[in-house]
N, C-alpha and C. Protein backbone atom coordinates (compact mmCIF):
# COMPACT_ATOMS: atom_id res chain seq x y z
N UNK A 1 7.64 15.73 15.60
CA UNK A 1 7.08 16.02 13.83
C UNK A 1 7.01 15.16 13.60
N UNK A 2 8.10 13.83 13.14
CA UNK A 2 6.64 12.85 12.61
C UNK A 2 6.60 12.17 13.37
N UNK A 3 6.11 11.88 14.66
CA UNK A 3 4.80 11.47 15.93
C UNK A 3 3.44 12.21 15.20
N UNK A 4 3.71 13.64 14.88
CA UNK A 4 2.93 14.26 14.69
C UNK A 4 2.26 14.02 13.14
N UNK A 5 3.15 13.21 12.56
CA UNK A 5 2.48 12.82 11.04
C UNK A 5 2.00 12.36 10.86
N UNK A 6 2.67 10.74 11.65
CA UNK A 6 2.14 9.83 12.40
C UNK A 6 0.76 9.39 12.40
N UNK A 7 0.02 10.50 13.94
CA UNK A 7 -0.58 10.71 14.64
C UNK A 7 -1.75 11.45 13.44
N UNK A 8 -1.70 11.70 12.61
CA UNK A 8 -1.89 13.24 12.24
C UNK A 8 -3.30 11.49 10.56
N UNK A 9 -1.78 12.09 10.20
CA UNK A 9 -1.67 10.29 9.00
C UNK A 9 -3.12 8.55 9.32
N UNK A 10 -2.40 8.19 9.90
CA UNK A 10 -2.63 7.07 11.20
C UNK A 10 -1.19 6.52 10.49
N UNK A 11 -1.42 4.81 11.12
CA UNK A 11 0.37 3.72 11.02
C UNK A 11 -0.35 3.27 9.89
N UNK A 12 -1.04 2.52 9.61
CA UNK A 12 -1.36 2.29 8.77
C UNK A 12 -0.61 3.26 6.92
N UNK A 13 -1.28 3.92 7.47
CA UNK A 13 -0.81 4.84 5.77
C UNK A 13 0.39 4.93 5.49
N UNK A 14 0.50 5.88 7.08
CA UNK A 14 2.31 5.80 7.06
C UNK A 14 2.87 4.21 6.13
N UNK A 15 2.66 3.20 6.38
CA UNK A 15 3.43 2.16 6.28
C UNK A 15 3.16 1.65 4.71
N UNK A 16 1.96 2.29 4.63
CA UNK A 16 1.92 2.22 2.76
C UNK A 16 2.41 2.96 1.20
N UNK A 17 2.34 4.01 2.69
CA UNK A 17 3.49 4.95 2.01
C UNK A 17 4.69 4.99 1.32
N UNK A 18 4.68 3.96 2.70
CA UNK A 18 6.69 3.64 3.01
C UNK A 18 6.46 1.95 1.28
N UNK A 19 5.90 1.61 1.69
CA UNK A 19 5.52 0.96 0.50
C UNK A 19 5.77 1.35 -0.62
N UNK A 20 4.33 1.82 -0.77
CA UNK A 20 4.57 3.41 -2.20
C UNK A 20 6.56 3.60 -2.74
N UNK A 21 6.85 4.26 -1.32
CA UNK A 21 8.16 4.83 -2.14
C UNK A 21 9.30 3.71 -2.46
N UNK A 22 8.93 2.05 -1.52
CA UNK A 22 10.27 1.40 -2.00
C UNK A 22 9.39 0.68 -3.11
N UNK A 23 8.95 1.04 -3.63
CA UNK A 23 9.12 -0.13 -5.13
C UNK A 23 8.85 0.85 -5.99
N UNK A 24 8.86 2.46 -5.97
CA UNK A 24 9.39 3.71 -6.53
C UNK A 24 11.02 3.22 -6.44
N UNK A 25 11.27 2.81 -5.37
CA UNK A 25 13.05 3.12 -5.81
C UNK A 25 13.60 1.97 -6.51
N UNK A 26 12.33 0.62 -6.25
CA UNK A 26 13.02 -0.44 -7.19
C UNK A 26 12.58 -0.27 -8.29
N UNK A 27 11.99 -0.11 -8.28
CA UNK A 27 11.90 0.17 -9.91
C UNK A 27 12.31 1.26 -10.51
N UNK A 28 13.34 2.55 -10.01
CA UNK A 28 13.71 2.45 -10.84
C UNK A 28 15.88 1.90 -10.67
N UNK A 29 15.89 1.19 -9.96
CA UNK A 29 16.65 0.84 -9.48
C UNK A 29 17.19 -1.07 -10.91
N UNK A 30 16.09 -0.91 -10.82
CA UNK A 30 15.35 -2.23 -12.05
C UNK A 30 16.26 -1.31 -13.53
N UNK A 31 14.87 -0.45 -13.44
CA UNK A 31 15.53 0.21 -15.02
C UNK A 31 17.08 0.42 -15.49
N UNK A 32 17.02 0.92 -14.30
CA UNK A 32 18.47 1.69 -14.59
C UNK A 32 19.49 0.37 -15.01
N UNK A 33 18.90 -1.00 -13.75
CA UNK A 33 20.23 -2.19 -14.69
C UNK A 33 19.62 -2.65 -15.51
N UNK A 34 18.44 -1.92 -16.43
CA UNK A 34 18.40 -2.49 -18.14
C UNK A 34 17.32 -3.46 -17.83
N UNK A 35 16.35 -3.66 -17.04
CA UNK A 35 15.57 -4.44 -17.04
C UNK A 35 14.12 -3.72 -17.05
N UNK A 36 14.30 -2.88 -17.67
CA UNK A 36 13.39 -1.88 -18.54
C UNK A 36 11.75 -1.97 -18.65
N UNK A 37 11.33 -3.48 -19.39
CA UNK A 37 10.32 -3.72 -18.58
C UNK A 37 9.25 -4.10 -17.54
N UNK A 38 10.58 -5.13 -16.98
CA UNK A 38 10.08 -5.00 -15.37
C UNK A 38 9.84 -3.73 -15.21
N UNK A 39 10.57 -3.64 -14.85
CA UNK A 39 11.01 -1.99 -14.33
C UNK A 39 8.87 -1.04 -13.81
N UNK A 40 8.64 -1.00 -15.74
CA UNK A 40 7.75 -0.29 -15.14
C UNK A 40 6.42 -1.24 -15.22
N UNK A 41 6.50 -1.23 -14.96
CA UNK A 41 5.56 -3.48 -14.58
C UNK A 41 5.14 -2.24 -13.52
N UNK A 42 6.66 -2.44 -11.92
CA UNK A 42 6.66 -2.74 -11.48
C UNK A 42 6.31 -0.80 -10.61
N UNK A 43 6.10 0.11 -11.47
CA UNK A 43 5.92 0.71 -11.34
C UNK A 43 4.91 1.15 -11.56
N UNK A 44 3.82 0.70 -12.18
CA UNK A 44 1.98 0.43 -12.33
C UNK A 44 1.40 0.34 -10.65
N UNK A 45 2.61 -0.06 -9.90
CA UNK A 45 2.19 -0.94 -8.61
C UNK A 45 2.16 0.81 -7.72
N UNK A 46 2.83 1.83 -7.84
CA UNK A 46 2.71 2.15 -6.96
C UNK A 46 1.26 3.26 -7.25
N UNK A 47 1.03 4.20 -8.32
CA UNK A 47 -0.52 4.18 -8.19
C UNK A 47 -1.77 3.74 -7.86
N UNK A 48 -1.39 1.62 -8.12
CA UNK A 48 -2.62 1.58 -7.63
C UNK A 48 -2.54 1.72 -6.39
N UNK A 49 -1.53 1.23 -5.36
CA UNK A 49 -1.92 1.17 -4.12
C UNK A 49 -2.52 3.12 -4.03
N UNK A 50 -1.90 3.45 -4.11
CA UNK A 50 -2.49 5.28 -3.41
C UNK A 50 -3.64 5.02 -4.31
N UNK A 51 -4.63 5.02 -5.16
CA UNK A 51 -5.59 4.31 -5.35
C UNK A 51 -6.94 4.13 -4.77
N UNK A 52 -6.34 2.39 -4.58
CA UNK A 52 -6.48 2.34 -3.54
C UNK A 52 -7.12 2.95 -1.76
N UNK A 53 -6.36 3.20 -1.33
CA UNK A 53 -5.38 4.40 -0.02
C UNK A 53 -6.90 4.84 -0.27
N UNK A 54 -7.06 5.71 -1.57
CA UNK A 54 -7.63 6.82 -1.07
C UNK A 54 -9.39 6.81 -1.11
N UNK A 55 -10.19 5.10 -2.73
CA UNK A 55 -10.76 4.02 -2.23
C UNK A 55 -11.68 3.87 -0.55
N UNK A 56 -10.30 3.27 0.28
CA UNK A 56 -10.80 2.65 1.74
C UNK A 56 -10.78 4.12 1.69
N UNK A 57 -10.18 4.86 2.20
CA UNK A 57 -10.47 6.49 3.06
C UNK A 57 -11.49 6.70 2.77
N UNK A 58 -12.60 7.34 1.67
CA UNK A 58 -13.75 7.88 1.51
C UNK A 58 -14.52 6.56 0.96
N UNK A 59 -14.66 5.33 0.58
CA UNK A 59 -15.93 4.25 0.66
C UNK A 59 -16.78 5.20 2.00
N UNK A 60 -18.08 4.96 1.83
CA UNK A 60 -18.73 4.65 3.51
C UNK A 60 -20.19 3.38 2.74
């Protein structure tokens, strides 16, 4: 199942999705430890990376 998922979306996209997931986790940990402004700043990276992935996918 995992191999078919990686084959379908590509290795680089899987790596980028893991990076986005780790950014979300780090942001949540920072927010819960009291570093609220830094956590919000880091949380904005995840949709930026996803948007960049979409841009690279659909550009011609």
